[in-house]
Amino acid sequence: MPIITFLSSLLNVAAVTYQRRYNRLHKSIKGLSYDSYVLSFVSNLLAIYSGLNYMFSPLVRKQLTRRFPIYYPSTDSRIPVSKLIMFGDILNLACTCAILEQLVRYRYTKCKLQSVSSICISTIVICIVLCVFSYACASIYLPYSDSGKYGIFYLEHINYIWVLGGFLSGFRLLPQITLNFMRRSTQGISSKFLVLSMLSSSLQLGFSLTFHSQQQYRVPLNSKPIYDCVFQLIFLISLLCQAQYVYRHPNRRPTEHLIG
């Protein structure tokens, strides 16, 4: 499973790389959603943070051993965490940073609808508040007592971050769909980005459904949640439908003014 997830990550890296190449050739980011890449950046950060804690935190290992002694015995300090998946997350973060750099460099080509929305900012603020609150509850009695306030242990704190990262990743394409709808155009999106992204999500989803009955304690803790793949695939199909609709009705695209 880690190898398939890593291959899926590599396909996503290739998709973002083609989008970056498209932006560089056109020297423009017109039509790209700022929100989508901000959410992608945050989701990758959360995935890396949770993965590093699953991999290296002795407190996480101790709490897993106490909670599931049959699956994670104290005699075996290893827990299922994939370095390949971690490496894929780091590569995706680096590619996302490259796109964000282009969004800043070519900002003079954006249209009036392109910006970081208040909804995106509010979503990130809510995630930060939840992360800080769960961390405060999990660490309030440390190091004297290995317990958390309101039943939130450090393991729950890491699990919550993993879940938040999965949801942000799953919904990261929704702002792009909304922007296309408001502009009545898919200009600025690389066709190779769409194809490779769909291959990436389909590969991950197909493998997850095939091996869904596998014993869960053997699945890497930093693997991708299945709802992430489902939402991404749904939104990618929506993007593809938007592209076909716009290409068949080019006269419906509105005239837009560039912002200097």
Protein backbone atom coordinates (compact mmCIF):
# COMPACT_ATOMS: atom_id res chain seq x y z
CA MET A 1 0.00 0.00 0.00
CA PRO A 2 2.74 2.59 0.75
CA ILE A 3 4.18 2.05 -2.74
CA ILE A 4 0.81 2.69 -4.42
CA THR A 5 0.27 5.79 -2.30
CA PHE A 6 3.76 6.99 -3.20
CA LEU A 7 3.09 6.41 -6.91
CA SER A 8 -0.14 8.37 -6.52
CA SER A 9 1.85 11.19 -4.91
CA LEU A 10 4.35 11.12 -7.76
CA LEU A 11 1.52 11.45 -10.28
CA ASN A 12 0.22 14.43 -8.34
CA VAL A 13 3.72 15.93 -8.28
CA ALA A 14 3.90 15.50 -12.06
CA ALA A 15 0.48 17.15 -12.43
CA VAL A 16 1.51 20.20 -10.40
CA THR A 17 4.84 20.34 -12.27
CA TYR A 18 3.00 20.48 -15.60
CA GLN A 19 0.78 23.25 -14.20
CA ARG A 20 3.90 25.16 -13.15
CA ARG A 21 5.38 24.68 -16.63
CA TYR A 22 2.12 25.92 -18.17
CA ASN A 23 2.24 29.05 -16.00
CA ARG A 24 5.88 29.67 -16.86
CA LEU A 25 5.34 29.31 -20.63
CA HIS A 26 2.38 31.69 -20.58
CA LYS A 27 3.93 33.93 -17.91
CA SER A 28 0.49 34.11 -16.38
CA ILE A 29 -1.55 32.69 -13.50
CA LYS A 30 -4.86 34.02 -14.80
CA GLY A 31 -7.62 31.58 -13.89
CA LEU A 32 -5.86 29.79 -11.02
CA SER A 33 -7.45 29.82 -7.60
CA TYR A 34 -5.28 31.20 -4.80
CA ASP A 35 -7.45 29.40 -2.26
CA SER A 36 -6.81 25.98 -3.82
CA TYR A 37 -3.05 26.22 -3.48
CA VAL A 38 -3.19 27.79 -0.03
CA LEU A 39 -5.37 24.89 1.14
CA SER A 40 -3.01 22.44 -0.56
CA PHE A 41 -0.05 24.03 1.23
CA VAL A 42 -1.74 23.81 4.64
CA SER A 43 -2.96 20.24 4.08
CA ASN A 44 0.56 19.10 3.15
CA LEU A 45 1.97 20.80 6.23
CA LEU A 46 -0.55 19.03 8.46
CA ALA A 47 0.17 15.69 6.78
CA ILE A 48 3.92 16.09 7.31
CA TYR A 49 3.45 17.23 10.92
CA SER A 50 1.24 14.27 11.80
CA GLY A 51 3.50 11.86 9.91
CA LEU A 52 6.62 13.05 11.74
CA ASN A 53 4.87 12.62 15.07
CA TYR A 54 3.65 9.14 14.17
CA MET A 55 7.19 8.27 13.12
CA PHE A 56 9.35 9.82 15.84
CA SER A 57 7.23 10.74 18.88
CA PRO A 58 7.87 8.34 21.81
CA LEU A 59 4.70 9.66 23.47
CA VAL A 60 2.57 8.59 20.50
CA ARG A 61 4.16 5.15 20.58
CA LYS A 62 3.58 4.79 24.32
CA GLN A 63 -0.07 5.79 24.07
CA LEU A 64 -0.64 3.46 21.12
CA THR A 65 0.92 0.60 23.10
CA ARG A 66 -1.27 1.31 26.14
CA ARG A 67 -4.42 1.66 24.08
CA PHE A 68 -3.86 -1.26 21.68
CA PRO A 69 -1.43 -3.64 23.43
CA ILE A 70 -2.37 -6.55 21.16
CA TYR A 71 -1.63 -4.71 17.92
CA TYR A 72 1.29 -2.61 19.18
CA PRO A 73 3.06 -4.62 21.94
CA SER A 74 5.61 -2.95 24.16
CA THR A 75 8.20 -5.53 23.08
CA ASP A 76 8.09 -4.12 19.55
CA SER A 77 8.73 -0.38 19.35
CA ARG A 78 7.86 -0.21 15.65
CA ILE A 79 4.53 1.16 14.50
CA PRO A 80 3.30 1.18 10.88
CA VAL A 81 4.47 4.49 9.41
CA SER A 82 5.61 4.81 5.80
CA LYS A 83 8.69 6.85 4.90
CA LEU A 84 7.66 6.69 1.23
CA ILE A 85 4.35 8.40 1.99
CA MET A 86 6.21 11.01 4.04
CA PHE A 87 8.61 11.64 1.16
CA GLY A 88 5.65 12.02 -1.22
CA ASP A 89 4.06 14.60 1.10
CA ILE A 90 7.32 16.57 1.17
CA LEU A 91 7.53 16.52 -2.63
CA ASN A 92 3.93 17.74 -2.91
CA LEU A 93 4.66 20.53 -0.43
CA ALA A 94 7.69 21.64 -2.47
CA CYS A 95 5.67 21.68 -5.72
CA THR A 96 2.86 23.62 -4.06
CA CYS A 97 5.38 26.20 -2.83
CA ALA A 98 6.63 26.56 -6.41
CA ILE A 99 3.08 27.34 -7.61
CA LEU A 100 2.56 29.80 -4.75
CA GLU A 101 5.77 31.55 -5.80
CA GLN A 102 4.35 31.90 -9.32
CA LEU A 103 1.08 33.24 -7.95
CA VAL A 104 3.11 36.03 -6.36
CA ARG A 105 5.47 36.58 -9.30
CA TYR A 106 2.77 36.75 -11.97
CA ARG A 107 0.15 38.45 -9.80
CA TYR A 108 -0.16 41.31 -12.32
CA THR A 109 -1.90 38.87 -14.72
CA LYS A 110 -4.67 37.86 -12.33
CA CYS A 111 -8.27 38.86 -12.84
CA LYS A 112 -10.42 40.72 -10.34
CA LEU A 113 -11.92 37.48 -8.97
CA GLN A 114 -8.56 35.98 -7.99
CA SER A 115 -7.44 36.43 -4.39
CA VAL A 116 -7.28 34.60 -1.07
CA SER A 117 -10.92 34.64 0.05
CA SER A 118 -12.21 35.37 3.52
CA ILE A 119 -13.74 31.87 3.58
CA CYS A 120 -10.31 30.32 3.02
CA ILE A 121 -8.75 32.51 5.70
CA SER A 122 -11.56 31.67 8.14
CA THR A 123 -11.16 27.94 7.43
CA ILE A 124 -7.43 28.09 8.13
CA VAL A 125 -7.98 30.12 11.32
CA ILE A 126 -10.53 27.57 12.55
CA CYS A 127 -8.07 24.73 11.85
CA ILE A 128 -5.32 26.57 13.73
CA VAL A 129 -7.62 27.14 16.71
CA LEU A 130 -8.62 23.46 16.77
CA CYS A 131 -4.98 22.35 16.54
CA VAL A 132 -3.86 24.70 19.31
CA PHE A 133 -6.82 23.75 21.52
CA SER A 134 -6.23 20.01 21.10
CA TYR A 135 -2.50 20.46 21.75
CA ALA A 136 -3.20 22.48 24.90
CA CYS A 137 -5.61 19.82 26.19
CA ALA A 138 -3.19 17.01 25.34
CA SER A 139 -0.11 18.58 26.96
CA ILE A 140 -1.59 20.37 29.97
CA TYR A 141 -0.55 17.60 32.41
CA LEU A 142 2.71 16.66 30.72
CA PRO A 143 5.33 15.56 31.61
CA TYR A 144 4.07 14.68 35.11
CA SER A 145 1.00 12.78 33.97
CA ASP A 146 0.35 11.00 30.69
CA SER A 147 -3.27 12.12 30.38
CA GLY A 148 -5.23 14.82 28.62
CA LYS A 149 -7.97 17.25 29.51
CA TYR A 150 -11.49 16.50 28.21
CA GLY A 151 -10.24 13.08 27.13
CA ILE A 152 -7.91 14.56 24.49
CA PHE A 153 -4.56 12.80 24.68
CA TYR A 154 -1.55 13.64 22.53
CA LEU A 155 -2.47 10.76 20.21
CA GLU A 156 -5.89 12.38 19.65
CA HIS A 157 -4.18 15.68 18.90
CA ILE A 158 -2.14 14.05 16.13
CA ASN A 159 -5.17 12.12 14.84
CA TYR A 160 -7.24 15.32 14.66
CA ILE A 161 -4.50 17.01 12.63
CA TRP A 162 -4.38 14.01 10.28
CA VAL A 163 -8.16 14.23 9.77
CA LEU A 164 -8.06 18.00 9.19
CA GLY A 165 -5.27 17.59 6.65
CA GLY A 166 -7.30 14.98 4.79
CA PHE A 167 -10.39 17.19 4.61
CA LEU A 168 -8.44 20.24 3.44
CA SER A 169 -6.74 18.13 0.79
CA GLY A 170 -10.05 16.64 -0.33
CA PHE A 171 -11.76 20.03 -0.68
CA ARG A 172 -8.80 22.00 -2.06
CA LEU A 173 -10.19 21.95 -5.62
CA LEU A 174 -13.59 23.34 -4.66
CA PRO A 175 -12.39 26.99 -4.82
CA GLN A 176 -11.06 26.35 -8.34
CA ILE A 177 -14.46 25.03 -9.42
CA THR A 178 -16.14 28.07 -7.87
CA LEU A 179 -13.74 30.45 -9.63
CA ASN A 180 -14.37 28.73 -12.99
CA PHE A 181 -18.11 29.07 -12.43
CA MET A 182 -17.86 32.78 -11.67
CA ARG A 183 -15.59 33.40 -14.68
CA ARG A 184 -17.43 30.98 -16.99
CA SER A 185 -13.99 29.83 -18.07
CA THR A 186 -11.35 27.21 -17.37
CA GLN A 187 -8.56 29.26 -18.90
CA GLY A 188 -5.29 28.86 -17.01
CA ILE A 189 -5.69 25.19 -16.04
CA SER A 190 -3.33 22.75 -17.74
CA SER A 191 -5.07 19.79 -19.37
CA LYS A 192 -2.16 17.57 -18.29
CA PHE A 193 -2.75 18.70 -14.73
CA LEU A 194 -6.34 17.45 -14.91
CA VAL A 195 -5.43 14.11 -16.52
CA LEU A 196 -2.55 13.29 -14.16
CA SER A 197 -4.52 14.41 -11.09
CA MET A 198 -7.40 12.14 -12.08
CA LEU A 199 -5.00 9.23 -12.57
CA SER A 200 -3.48 9.93 -9.16
CA SER A 201 -6.83 10.03 -7.35
CA SER A 202 -8.22 7.04 -9.25
CA LEU A 203 -5.15 4.94 -8.47
CA GLN A 204 -5.29 5.75 -4.77
CA LEU A 205 -9.06 5.28 -4.51
CA GLY A 206 -9.07 2.02 -6.45
CA PHE A 207 -6.32 0.55 -4.31
CA SER A 208 -7.96 1.76 -1.09
CA LEU A 209 -11.28 0.15 -2.01
CA THR A 210 -9.58 -3.08 -3.09
CA PHE A 211 -7.66 -3.47 0.18
CA HIS A 212 -10.25 -1.88 2.44
CA SER A 213 -10.77 -5.20 4.25
CA GLN A 214 -7.09 -5.39 5.19
CA GLN A 215 -6.37 -5.48 8.91
CA GLN A 216 -6.39 -1.82 9.88
CA TYR A 217 -3.58 -2.00 12.40
CA ARG A 218 -1.21 -2.90 9.56
CA VAL A 219 -2.14 0.15 7.49
CA PRO A 220 0.44 2.97 7.83
CA LEU A 221 -0.82 5.62 10.22
CA ASN A 222 0.21 8.40 7.81
CA SER A 223 -1.65 6.92 4.84
CA LYS A 224 -4.22 8.96 2.93
CA PRO A 225 -7.83 8.78 4.17
CA ILE A 226 -10.27 7.34 1.66
CA TYR A 227 -12.54 10.41 1.77
CA ASP A 228 -9.61 12.51 0.51
CA CYS A 229 -9.46 10.48 -2.72
CA VAL A 230 -13.26 10.43 -3.10
CA PHE A 231 -13.67 14.20 -2.82
CA GLN A 232 -10.69 14.92 -5.05
CA LEU A 233 -11.99 12.61 -7.77
CA ILE A 234 -15.48 14.15 -7.60
CA PHE A 235 -14.09 17.67 -7.92
CA LEU A 236 -11.69 16.67 -10.71
CA ILE A 237 -14.60 15.21 -12.69
CA SER A 238 -16.46 18.48 -12.09
CA LEU A 239 -13.47 20.43 -13.41
CA LEU A 240 -13.36 18.23 -16.49
CA CYS A 241 -17.08 18.79 -17.09
CA GLN A 242 -16.57 22.54 -16.73
CA ALA A 243 -13.76 22.44 -19.28
CA GLN A 244 -15.88 20.55 -21.80
CA TYR A 245 -18.81 22.91 -21.26
CA VAL A 246 -16.67 26.02 -21.73
CA TYR A 247 -14.85 24.67 -24.77
CA ARG A 248 -18.17 23.92 -26.45
CA HIS A 249 -19.56 27.37 -25.62
CA PRO A 250 -16.63 29.77 -25.98
CA ASN A 251 -18.94 32.72 -26.60
CA ARG A 252 -20.15 32.54 -22.97
CA ARG A 253 -16.82 33.55 -21.52
CA PRO A 254 -16.99 37.06 -20.06
CA THR A 255 -14.45 39.76 -20.77
CA GLU A 256 -12.21 40.34 -17.77
CA HIS A 257 -9.80 43.13 -16.92
CA LEU A 258 -6.35 42.43 -15.59
CA ILE A 259 -5.22 43.89 -12.30
CA GLY A 260 -1.88 45.67 -12.44
